Amino acid sequence: MKSKIGKLATAVLVGIGAATPAAGPALAVGPGNLYGNLYYGSTLLASASIKLTVSPSTYTITVNDLSSIDGVPACVRVYANNGNAPSYCDSYGAGPTLYTIYYDWNRAYLNAGTATTAMVP
């Protein structure tokens, strides 16, 4: 009986090991779909979204600078779990810019110059 239990435990452990890849890309984890609009008075300066496009590993960022009055690009700053905070930007007149990310992140902000707003669900 002990022999059968030992073989069964070994088979289960081998099965678990076989299902876990030894190396490969990590899956991106984030707070989900987020959206943001940035206003100057009643003028919409920029809009952005971060959407889970391929579950659970790929997020698409759309940034759209909608106004030329401020003269600066609109950017989404994504705070990664590893401490980095890259920005993804768009300049007025070119239409929205799309980016794809594959890393773990926990929050994002939309900004243009000194104006900033948190992106929310």
N, C-alpha and C. Protein backbone atom coordinates (compact mmCIF):
# COMPACT_ATOMS: atom_id res chain seq x y z
N MET A 1 0.82 -1.20 0.00
CA MET A 1 0.00 0.00 0.00
C MET A 1 0.86 1.26 0.00
N LYS A 2 1.93 1.25 0.82
CA LYS A 2 2.82 2.41 0.85
C LYS A 2 3.43 2.67 -0.51
N SER A 3 3.76 1.62 -1.21
CA SER A 3 4.36 1.74 -2.53
C SER A 3 3.40 2.42 -3.49
N LYS A 4 2.12 2.07 -3.45
CA LYS A 4 1.13 2.68 -4.34
C LYS A 4 0.93 4.16 -4.01
N ILE A 5 0.90 4.49 -2.73
CA ILE A 5 0.74 5.90 -2.32
C ILE A 5 1.95 6.70 -2.75
N GLY A 6 3.14 6.15 -2.56
CA GLY A 6 4.36 6.85 -2.98
C GLY A 6 4.38 7.10 -4.48
N LYS A 7 3.97 6.11 -5.29
CA LYS A 7 3.93 6.26 -6.74
C LYS A 7 2.89 7.29 -7.15
N LEU A 8 1.74 7.28 -6.48
CA LEU A 8 0.68 8.25 -6.77
C LEU A 8 1.15 9.66 -6.46
N ALA A 9 1.80 9.85 -5.30
CA ALA A 9 2.31 11.18 -4.94
C ALA A 9 3.35 11.64 -5.94
N THR A 10 4.22 10.74 -6.37
CA THR A 10 5.24 11.09 -7.36
C THR A 10 4.59 11.47 -8.68
N ALA A 11 3.58 10.74 -9.10
CA ALA A 11 2.89 11.04 -10.36
C ALA A 11 2.22 12.40 -10.29
N VAL A 12 1.61 12.71 -9.16
CA VAL A 12 0.96 14.03 -9.01
C VAL A 12 2.00 15.14 -9.08
N LEU A 13 3.12 14.98 -8.39
CA LEU A 13 4.16 16.01 -8.42
C LEU A 13 4.76 16.16 -9.81
N VAL A 14 4.99 15.07 -10.51
CA VAL A 14 5.51 15.14 -11.87
C VAL A 14 4.50 15.84 -12.76
N GLY A 15 3.20 15.54 -12.59
CA GLY A 15 2.16 16.19 -13.37
C GLY A 15 2.12 17.68 -13.15
N ILE A 16 2.28 18.11 -11.89
CA ILE A 16 2.30 19.54 -11.58
C ILE A 16 3.51 20.19 -12.22
N GLY A 17 4.65 19.54 -12.11
CA GLY A 17 5.87 20.09 -12.70
C GLY A 17 5.76 20.19 -14.21
N ALA A 18 5.13 19.22 -14.82
CA ALA A 18 5.00 19.22 -16.28
C ALA A 18 4.07 20.34 -16.74
N ALA A 19 3.12 20.73 -15.92
CA ALA A 19 2.17 21.78 -16.31
C ALA A 19 2.73 23.18 -16.11
N THR A 20 3.82 23.29 -15.37
CA THR A 20 4.41 24.59 -15.10
C THR A 20 5.57 24.83 -16.04
N PRO A 21 5.53 25.84 -16.91
CA PRO A 21 6.63 26.07 -17.82
C PRO A 21 7.89 26.47 -17.07
N ALA A 22 9.02 25.97 -17.52
CA ALA A 22 10.30 26.30 -16.88
C ALA A 22 10.68 27.74 -17.17
N ALA A 23 10.39 28.22 -18.36
CA ALA A 23 10.70 29.60 -18.71
C ALA A 23 9.67 30.07 -19.72
N GLY A 24 9.39 31.35 -19.71
CA GLY A 24 8.43 31.91 -20.64
C GLY A 24 7.99 33.27 -20.18
N PRO A 25 7.24 33.97 -21.02
CA PRO A 25 6.82 35.32 -20.64
C PRO A 25 5.83 35.29 -19.48
N ALA A 26 5.97 36.25 -18.59
CA ALA A 26 5.03 36.38 -17.47
C ALA A 26 3.74 36.99 -17.98
N LEU A 27 2.66 36.71 -17.31
CA LEU A 27 1.38 37.29 -17.68
C LEU A 27 1.24 38.65 -17.02
N ALA A 28 0.75 39.61 -17.78
CA ALA A 28 0.56 40.96 -17.24
C ALA A 28 -0.64 40.97 -16.31
N VAL A 29 -0.51 41.68 -15.21
CA VAL A 29 -1.60 41.82 -14.25
C VAL A 29 -1.81 43.31 -14.00
N GLY A 30 -3.05 43.75 -14.04
CA GLY A 30 -3.36 45.15 -13.79
C GLY A 30 -4.73 45.26 -13.16
N PRO A 31 -5.14 46.48 -12.82
CA PRO A 31 -6.42 46.68 -12.14
C PRO A 31 -7.63 46.56 -13.06
N GLY A 32 -7.44 46.26 -14.32
CA GLY A 32 -8.58 46.13 -15.23
C GLY A 32 -8.65 47.30 -16.19
N ASN A 33 -9.80 47.48 -16.80
CA ASN A 33 -9.98 48.56 -17.76
C ASN A 33 -10.09 49.90 -17.03
N LEU A 34 -9.29 50.87 -17.47
CA LEU A 34 -9.32 52.21 -16.86
C LEU A 34 -9.53 53.26 -17.94
N TYR A 35 -10.13 54.38 -17.53
CA TYR A 35 -10.43 55.46 -18.45
C TYR A 35 -10.10 56.79 -17.79
N GLY A 36 -9.80 57.79 -18.62
CA GLY A 36 -9.53 59.12 -18.08
C GLY A 36 -9.80 60.20 -19.10
N ASN A 37 -10.31 61.34 -18.64
CA ASN A 37 -10.48 62.54 -19.45
C ASN A 37 -9.85 63.70 -18.70
N LEU A 38 -9.14 64.54 -19.41
CA LEU A 38 -8.46 65.67 -18.79
C LEU A 38 -9.02 66.96 -19.38
N TYR A 39 -9.50 67.83 -18.50
CA TYR A 39 -10.15 69.08 -18.93
C TYR A 39 -9.34 70.29 -18.48
N TYR A 40 -9.45 71.36 -19.28
CA TYR A 40 -8.99 72.68 -18.87
C TYR A 40 -10.24 73.55 -18.95
N GLY A 41 -10.83 73.86 -17.80
CA GLY A 41 -12.14 74.51 -17.79
C GLY A 41 -13.14 73.54 -18.38
N SER A 42 -13.82 73.96 -19.44
CA SER A 42 -14.78 73.07 -20.11
C SER A 42 -14.19 72.44 -21.37
N THR A 43 -12.92 72.70 -21.64
CA THR A 43 -12.27 72.15 -22.84
C THR A 43 -11.64 70.80 -22.54
N LEU A 44 -12.02 69.80 -23.31
CA LEU A 44 -11.44 68.48 -23.16
C LEU A 44 -10.05 68.49 -23.81
N LEU A 45 -9.00 68.36 -22.99
CA LEU A 45 -7.63 68.36 -23.49
C LEU A 45 -7.20 67.00 -24.02
N ALA A 46 -7.58 65.93 -23.31
CA ALA A 46 -7.10 64.60 -23.67
C ALA A 46 -8.02 63.54 -23.11
N SER A 47 -7.99 62.39 -23.75
CA SER A 47 -8.69 61.23 -23.22
C SER A 47 -7.79 60.02 -23.40
N ALA A 48 -8.01 59.01 -22.56
CA ALA A 48 -7.19 57.80 -22.63
C ALA A 48 -7.93 56.62 -22.05
N SER A 49 -7.49 55.44 -22.45
CA SER A 49 -8.03 54.21 -21.87
C SER A 49 -6.93 53.16 -21.83
N ILE A 50 -7.07 52.27 -20.87
CA ILE A 50 -6.24 51.08 -20.81
C ILE A 50 -7.21 49.91 -20.74
N LYS A 51 -7.11 49.01 -21.71
CA LYS A 51 -8.07 47.91 -21.78
C LYS A 51 -7.34 46.58 -21.88
N LEU A 52 -7.88 45.60 -21.17
CA LEU A 52 -7.39 44.24 -21.28
C LEU A 52 -7.86 43.71 -22.63
N THR A 53 -6.92 43.45 -23.55
CA THR A 53 -7.31 43.04 -24.89
C THR A 53 -7.13 41.56 -25.15
N VAL A 54 -6.17 40.93 -24.49
CA VAL A 54 -5.98 39.49 -24.59
C VAL A 54 -5.83 38.98 -23.17
N SER A 55 -6.89 38.42 -22.64
CA SER A 55 -6.88 37.98 -21.25
C SER A 55 -5.96 36.78 -21.09
N PRO A 56 -5.16 36.72 -20.08
CA PRO A 56 -4.94 37.72 -19.03
C PRO A 56 -3.64 38.49 -19.20
N SER A 57 -3.09 38.57 -20.41
CA SER A 57 -1.71 39.01 -20.52
C SER A 57 -1.44 40.29 -21.29
N THR A 58 -2.38 40.86 -22.00
CA THR A 58 -2.08 41.99 -22.87
C THR A 58 -3.04 43.15 -22.62
N TYR A 59 -2.47 44.32 -22.38
CA TYR A 59 -3.25 45.54 -22.22
C TYR A 59 -2.93 46.50 -23.36
N THR A 60 -3.97 47.17 -23.88
CA THR A 60 -3.77 48.18 -24.92
C THR A 60 -4.07 49.55 -24.32
N ILE A 61 -3.14 50.47 -24.53
CA ILE A 61 -3.29 51.86 -24.07
C ILE A 61 -3.62 52.72 -25.28
N THR A 62 -4.67 53.51 -25.17
CA THR A 62 -5.02 54.48 -26.20
C THR A 62 -4.91 55.87 -25.58
N VAL A 63 -4.11 56.73 -26.20
CA VAL A 63 -3.93 58.10 -25.72
C VAL A 63 -4.31 59.04 -26.85
N ASN A 64 -5.13 60.05 -26.54
CA ASN A 64 -5.57 60.98 -27.57
C ASN A 64 -5.48 62.41 -27.06
N ASP A 65 -4.52 63.17 -27.61
CA ASP A 65 -4.38 64.60 -27.30
C ASP A 65 -5.39 65.33 -28.18
N LEU A 66 -6.41 65.93 -27.56
CA LEU A 66 -7.53 66.50 -28.30
C LEU A 66 -7.50 68.01 -28.47
N SER A 67 -6.51 68.68 -27.90
CA SER A 67 -6.50 70.14 -27.94
C SER A 67 -5.10 70.67 -28.16
N SER A 68 -5.03 71.70 -28.99
CA SER A 68 -3.73 72.33 -29.25
C SER A 68 -3.49 73.53 -28.34
N ILE A 69 -4.44 73.88 -27.46
CA ILE A 69 -4.30 75.11 -26.68
C ILE A 69 -3.18 75.04 -25.66
N ASP A 70 -2.85 73.85 -25.16
CA ASP A 70 -1.81 73.77 -24.14
C ASP A 70 -0.42 73.56 -24.73
N GLY A 71 -0.33 73.07 -25.97
CA GLY A 71 0.95 72.93 -26.64
C GLY A 71 1.84 71.80 -26.13
N VAL A 72 1.32 70.93 -25.30
CA VAL A 72 2.11 69.81 -24.78
C VAL A 72 1.40 68.50 -25.09
N PRO A 73 2.15 67.41 -25.23
CA PRO A 73 1.49 66.13 -25.51
C PRO A 73 0.74 65.60 -24.30
N ALA A 74 -0.26 64.78 -24.57
CA ALA A 74 -0.98 64.07 -23.51
C ALA A 74 -0.26 62.75 -23.28
N CYS A 75 -0.12 62.36 -22.02
CA CYS A 75 0.59 61.13 -21.69
C CYS A 75 -0.15 60.32 -20.64
N VAL A 76 -0.07 59.01 -20.77
CA VAL A 76 -0.54 58.10 -19.74
C VAL A 76 0.70 57.57 -19.05
N ARG A 77 0.76 57.75 -17.74
CA ARG A 77 1.88 57.23 -16.96
C ARG A 77 1.39 55.99 -16.21
N VAL A 78 2.01 54.87 -16.50
CA VAL A 78 1.61 53.58 -15.92
C VAL A 78 2.63 53.21 -14.85
N TYR A 79 2.13 52.93 -13.66
CA TYR A 79 3.00 52.56 -12.55
C TYR A 79 3.10 51.04 -12.47
N ALA A 80 4.27 50.54 -12.86
CA ALA A 80 4.52 49.10 -12.88
C ALA A 80 4.81 48.59 -11.47
N ASN A 81 4.53 47.33 -11.24
CA ASN A 81 4.76 46.73 -9.92
C ASN A 81 6.24 46.67 -9.56
N ASN A 82 7.13 46.75 -10.56
CA ASN A 82 8.57 46.70 -10.27
C ASN A 82 9.15 48.07 -9.93
N GLY A 83 8.31 49.11 -9.85
CA GLY A 83 8.77 50.44 -9.47
C GLY A 83 8.96 51.39 -10.64
N ASN A 84 8.99 50.90 -11.86
CA ASN A 84 9.11 51.77 -13.03
C ASN A 84 7.79 52.48 -13.29
N ALA A 85 7.86 53.62 -13.99
CA ALA A 85 6.65 54.37 -14.32
C ALA A 85 6.79 54.99 -15.71
N PRO A 86 6.74 54.17 -16.76
CA PRO A 86 6.88 54.71 -18.11
C PRO A 86 5.65 55.51 -18.53
N SER A 87 5.89 56.45 -19.45
CA SER A 87 4.81 57.27 -20.00
C SER A 87 4.58 56.91 -21.46
N TYR A 88 3.33 56.96 -21.86
CA TYR A 88 2.92 56.67 -23.24
C TYR A 88 2.17 57.89 -23.72
N CYS A 89 2.69 58.57 -24.78
CA CYS A 89 2.21 59.90 -25.15
C CYS A 89 1.62 59.98 -26.55
N ASP A 90 0.84 61.05 -26.76
CA ASP A 90 0.26 61.38 -28.05
C ASP A 90 0.31 62.89 -28.22
N SER A 91 0.62 63.33 -29.42
CA SER A 91 0.63 64.76 -29.74
C SER A 91 -0.61 65.13 -30.53
N TYR A 92 -1.07 66.36 -30.35
CA TYR A 92 -2.28 66.85 -31.01
C TYR A 92 -2.14 66.77 -32.53
N GLY A 93 -3.24 66.40 -33.18
CA GLY A 93 -3.30 66.43 -34.63
C GLY A 93 -3.03 65.10 -35.31
N ALA A 94 -2.50 64.16 -34.61
CA ALA A 94 -2.13 62.89 -35.24
C ALA A 94 -3.18 61.81 -35.03
N GLY A 95 -4.24 62.09 -34.29
CA GLY A 95 -5.20 61.05 -33.94
C GLY A 95 -4.67 60.27 -32.76
N PRO A 96 -5.45 59.34 -32.25
CA PRO A 96 -5.01 58.59 -31.06
C PRO A 96 -3.80 57.71 -31.36
N THR A 97 -2.99 57.52 -30.34
CA THR A 97 -1.83 56.65 -30.43
C THR A 97 -2.10 55.42 -29.58
N LEU A 98 -1.76 54.24 -30.11
CA LEU A 98 -1.99 52.97 -29.41
C LEU A 98 -0.67 52.37 -28.96
N TYR A 99 -0.67 51.81 -27.77
CA TYR A 99 0.48 51.10 -27.22
C TYR A 99 -0.02 49.78 -26.65
N THR A 100 0.88 48.81 -26.56
CA THR A 100 0.56 47.53 -25.95
C THR A 100 1.58 47.25 -24.86
N ILE A 101 1.09 46.83 -23.68
CA ILE A 101 2.00 46.49 -22.59
C ILE A 101 1.73 45.05 -22.14
N TYR A 102 2.79 44.46 -21.58
CA TYR A 102 2.72 43.06 -21.15
C TYR A 102 3.27 42.88 -19.74
N TYR A 103 3.29 43.92 -18.92
CA TYR A 103 3.89 43.82 -17.59
C TYR A 103 2.87 44.10 -16.50
N ASP A 104 3.22 43.71 -15.28
CA ASP A 104 2.35 43.93 -14.12
C ASP A 104 2.34 45.42 -13.77
N TRP A 105 1.17 45.96 -13.50
CA TRP A 105 1.04 47.37 -13.15
C TRP A 105 -0.11 47.52 -12.17
N ASN A 106 -0.16 48.68 -11.49
CA ASN A 106 -1.17 48.82 -10.44
C ASN A 106 -1.99 50.11 -10.50
N ARG A 107 -1.55 51.12 -11.26
CA ARG A 107 -2.33 52.35 -11.40
C ARG A 107 -1.81 53.15 -12.58
N ALA A 108 -2.61 54.13 -13.02
CA ALA A 108 -2.21 54.96 -14.16
C ALA A 108 -2.82 56.35 -14.02
N TYR A 109 -2.12 57.33 -14.58
CA TYR A 109 -2.58 58.72 -14.58
C TYR A 109 -2.48 59.28 -15.98
N LEU A 110 -3.42 60.13 -16.34
CA LEU A 110 -3.40 60.86 -17.60
C LEU A 110 -2.93 62.27 -17.29
N ASN A 111 -1.94 62.77 -18.04
CA ASN A 111 -1.47 64.13 -17.79
C ASN A 111 -1.13 64.84 -19.10
N ALA A 112 -1.20 66.16 -19.02
CA ALA A 112 -0.78 67.05 -20.11
C ALA A 112 -0.20 68.28 -19.41
N GLY A 113 1.11 68.46 -19.52
CA GLY A 113 1.76 69.54 -18.77
C GLY A 113 1.64 69.28 -17.29
N THR A 114 1.11 70.26 -16.56
CA THR A 114 0.96 70.10 -15.11
C THR A 114 -0.41 69.57 -14.70
N ALA A 115 -1.32 69.43 -15.64
CA ALA A 115 -2.65 68.90 -15.33
C ALA A 115 -2.59 67.38 -15.29
N THR A 116 -3.15 66.78 -14.24
CA THR A 116 -3.12 65.32 -14.07
C THR A 116 -4.44 64.84 -13.51
N THR A 117 -4.86 63.66 -13.96
CA THR A 117 -6.03 63.01 -13.38
C THR A 117 -5.77 61.51 -13.29
N ALA A 118 -6.27 60.90 -12.23
CA ALA A 118 -6.15 59.45 -12.08
C ALA A 118 -7.10 58.77 -13.07
N MET A 119 -6.64 57.69 -13.67
CA MET A 119 -7.50 56.91 -14.53
C MET A 119 -8.30 55.94 -13.65
N VAL A 120 -9.58 55.81 -13.96
CA VAL A 120 -10.50 55.05 -13.11
C VAL A 120 -11.31 54.05 -13.95
N PRO A 121 -11.88 53.03 -13.28
CA PRO A 121 -12.72 52.06 -14.02
C PRO A 121 -13.98 52.68 -14.59
